[in-house]
Amino acid sequence: MQKLAKYIKSKHIPTYLESSCFDHKRFSHVLPHIDFVKIELKTLDSEFVDAKHYSTLLENALECLRLAIASAKTTYIKIVVSAKTESKSFDDLVQKIFKIARPNDLKGFIIQPTYGIAEPNLPKLLGFYDLVYPYYSEVRVVPQLHKLIGAP
């Protein structure tokens, strides 16, 4: 890993990490070698995460966000939503994010609907969009295109 990191640095190859940030300590070890980072979050009611582990996952993800911002990394946020995601829990999560991040700390904010199982409808997606927009104008709804085209 160290050889690869040295090679990447010597060639000035930008590096990108997509992370669900389940462990902020591990994240902090790789962060110096990363240029771009996408921090993925989920709400409890979306049922993507075991309820008994959710608070730990959320704390770790928010700490990863703090670390990325403090390290001046190019940072993106992604929240995965399903038909089960409620506006209240989504809004609570957005408020937690923007207690840490200012708009100029982020390069993008992505809302990603599930595909195939518990897909949220368009009015729900637009409602989520409306909850983020007052905080951050570069919010996007990005479908799981790989699943739409049948890629594994």
Protein backbone atom coordinates (compact mmCIF):
# COMPACT_ATOMS: atom_id res chain seq x y z
CA MET A 1 0.00 0.00 0.00
CA GLN A 2 2.83 2.40 0.80
CA LYS A 3 4.45 1.77 -2.60
CA LEU A 4 1.17 2.45 -4.34
CA ALA A 5 0.64 5.63 -2.31
CA LYS A 6 4.17 6.84 -3.22
CA TYR A 7 3.60 6.07 -6.90
CA ILE A 8 0.26 7.88 -6.95
CA LYS A 9 1.78 10.88 -5.19
CA SER A 10 4.82 10.97 -7.50
CA LYS A 11 2.57 10.96 -10.59
CA HIS A 12 0.12 13.49 -9.09
CA ILE A 13 -2.77 11.11 -9.75
CA PRO A 14 -5.89 12.42 -8.02
CA THR A 15 -7.43 9.82 -5.74
CA TYR A 16 -11.08 9.33 -4.87
CA LEU A 17 -12.68 7.43 -2.01
CA GLU A 18 -16.35 6.50 -1.74
CA SER A 19 -17.01 5.55 1.83
CA SER A 20 -19.87 4.66 4.10
CA CYS A 21 -17.46 5.77 6.83
CA PHE A 22 -18.15 2.95 9.26
CA ASP A 23 -14.86 3.63 11.09
CA HIS A 24 -13.54 7.18 11.34
CA LYS A 25 -10.18 5.98 12.70
CA ARG A 26 -9.48 3.90 9.59
CA PHE A 27 -10.77 6.76 7.46
CA SER A 28 -8.30 9.14 9.10
CA HIS A 29 -5.40 6.85 8.14
CA VAL A 30 -6.20 6.92 4.42
CA LEU A 31 -7.39 10.52 4.31
CA PRO A 32 -3.91 12.04 3.76
CA HIS A 33 -3.67 10.01 0.52
CA ILE A 34 -7.09 11.01 -0.82
CA ASP A 35 -7.97 14.08 -2.88
CA PHE A 36 -11.72 13.57 -3.34
CA VAL A 37 -14.05 11.93 -0.86
CA LYS A 38 -17.73 11.01 -0.97
CA ILE A 39 -19.31 10.43 2.41
CA GLU A 40 -22.38 8.25 2.26
CA LEU A 41 -25.12 8.51 4.86
CA LYS A 42 -28.42 6.78 5.40
CA THR A 43 -31.42 7.38 7.60
CA LEU A 44 -32.51 4.79 10.12
CA ASP A 45 -35.98 4.43 8.63
CA SER A 46 -34.62 3.62 5.18
CA GLU A 47 -33.79 0.20 6.70
CA PHE A 48 -30.35 -0.06 5.07
CA VAL A 49 -28.66 -0.32 8.44
CA ASP A 50 -29.33 -2.52 11.45
CA ALA A 51 -31.10 -0.31 14.00
CA LYS A 52 -28.83 -1.31 16.89
CA HIS A 53 -25.73 -0.18 14.95
CA TYR A 54 -27.20 2.96 13.38
CA SER A 55 -26.10 5.51 15.97
CA THR A 56 -22.49 4.26 15.79
CA LEU A 57 -22.52 4.35 12.00
CA LEU A 58 -23.96 7.87 11.99
CA GLU A 59 -21.40 9.13 14.54
CA ASN A 60 -18.58 7.66 12.45
CA ALA A 61 -19.90 9.15 9.20
CA LEU A 62 -20.29 12.59 10.74
CA GLU A 63 -16.79 12.39 12.20
CA CYS A 64 -15.46 11.43 8.76
CA LEU A 65 -17.18 14.53 7.41
CA ARG A 66 -15.47 16.67 10.07
CA LEU A 67 -12.10 15.11 9.24
CA ALA A 68 -12.52 15.59 5.48
CA ILE A 69 -13.47 19.24 5.92
CA ALA A 70 -10.64 19.89 8.40
CA SER A 71 -8.23 18.33 5.89
CA ALA A 72 -9.59 20.55 3.10
CA LYS A 73 -10.50 17.56 0.94
CA THR A 74 -12.86 17.91 -2.00
CA THR A 75 -15.93 16.53 -0.28
CA TYR A 76 -19.24 15.22 -1.56
CA ILE A 77 -22.22 14.03 0.45
CA LYS A 78 -24.56 11.25 -0.65
CA ILE A 79 -27.71 10.16 1.13
CA VAL A 80 -29.30 6.95 -0.08
CA VAL A 81 -33.09 7.02 0.20
CA SER A 82 -35.87 4.49 -0.20
CA ALA A 83 -39.66 4.60 -0.18
CA LYS A 84 -39.39 4.00 3.56
CA THR A 85 -37.28 7.13 4.18
CA GLU A 86 -39.40 9.72 5.97
CA SER A 87 -39.03 13.47 5.46
CA LYS A 88 -38.47 14.08 9.19
CA SER A 89 -35.54 11.68 9.47
CA PHE A 90 -34.05 12.95 6.21
CA ASP A 91 -34.36 16.56 7.40
CA ASP A 92 -32.80 15.67 10.77
CA LEU A 93 -29.85 14.13 8.95
CA VAL A 94 -29.46 17.15 6.67
CA GLN A 95 -29.45 19.45 9.71
CA LYS A 96 -26.71 17.34 11.34
CA ILE A 97 -24.63 17.53 8.17
CA PHE A 98 -24.93 21.31 7.96
CA LYS A 99 -24.03 21.77 11.61
CA ILE A 100 -20.65 20.43 10.51
CA ALA A 101 -20.35 21.60 6.91
CA ARG A 102 -20.82 25.02 5.39
CA PRO A 103 -21.93 25.13 1.76
CA ASN A 104 -18.44 26.12 0.56
CA ASP A 105 -17.00 23.03 2.32
CA LEU A 106 -18.82 20.76 -0.15
CA LYS A 107 -18.51 20.17 -3.87
CA GLY A 108 -21.79 18.34 -4.21
CA PHE A 109 -24.76 16.85 -2.43
CA ILE A 110 -26.33 13.75 -3.94
CA ILE A 111 -29.64 12.13 -3.14
CA GLN A 112 -29.58 8.57 -4.47
CA PRO A 113 -32.85 6.65 -4.68
CA THR A 114 -32.84 2.88 -4.39
CA TYR A 115 -33.66 0.90 -7.48
CA GLY A 116 -35.70 -2.26 -7.63
CA ILE A 117 -36.59 -2.53 -3.95
CA ALA A 118 -38.58 0.15 -2.11
CA GLU A 119 -38.00 2.77 -4.81
CA PRO A 120 -39.13 6.23 -3.70
CA ASN A 121 -41.58 7.97 -5.98
CA LEU A 122 -40.88 11.29 -7.70
CA PRO A 123 -42.87 13.48 -5.27
CA LYS A 124 -40.91 11.98 -2.36
CA LEU A 125 -37.58 12.60 -4.13
CA LEU A 126 -38.53 16.18 -4.88
CA GLY A 127 -39.50 16.63 -1.23
CA PHE A 128 -36.02 15.47 -0.17
CA TYR A 129 -34.51 17.85 -2.71
CA ASP A 130 -36.54 20.71 -1.23
CA LEU A 131 -35.20 19.88 2.24
CA VAL A 132 -31.55 20.15 1.12
CA TYR A 133 -31.84 23.13 -1.24
CA PRO A 134 -32.15 25.83 1.46
CA TYR A 135 -28.76 24.70 2.81
CA TYR A 136 -27.00 23.85 -0.44
CA SER A 137 -27.95 24.74 -4.01
CA GLU A 138 -25.83 22.10 -5.79
CA VAL A 139 -28.05 19.22 -4.72
CA ARG A 140 -28.63 16.48 -7.30
CA VAL A 141 -30.82 13.40 -7.51
CA VAL A 142 -28.69 10.66 -9.07
CA PRO A 143 -30.22 7.25 -9.75
CA GLN A 144 -28.28 4.01 -9.50
CA LEU A 145 -27.66 4.02 -13.23
CA HIS A 146 -25.64 0.81 -13.18
CA LYS A 147 -28.71 -1.00 -11.93
CA LEU A 148 -31.00 0.72 -14.43
CA ILE A 149 -28.90 -0.59 -17.34
CA GLY A 150 -28.51 -4.05 -15.81
CA ALA A 151 -24.83 -3.89 -14.88
CA PRO A 152 -23.82 -5.91 -11.80
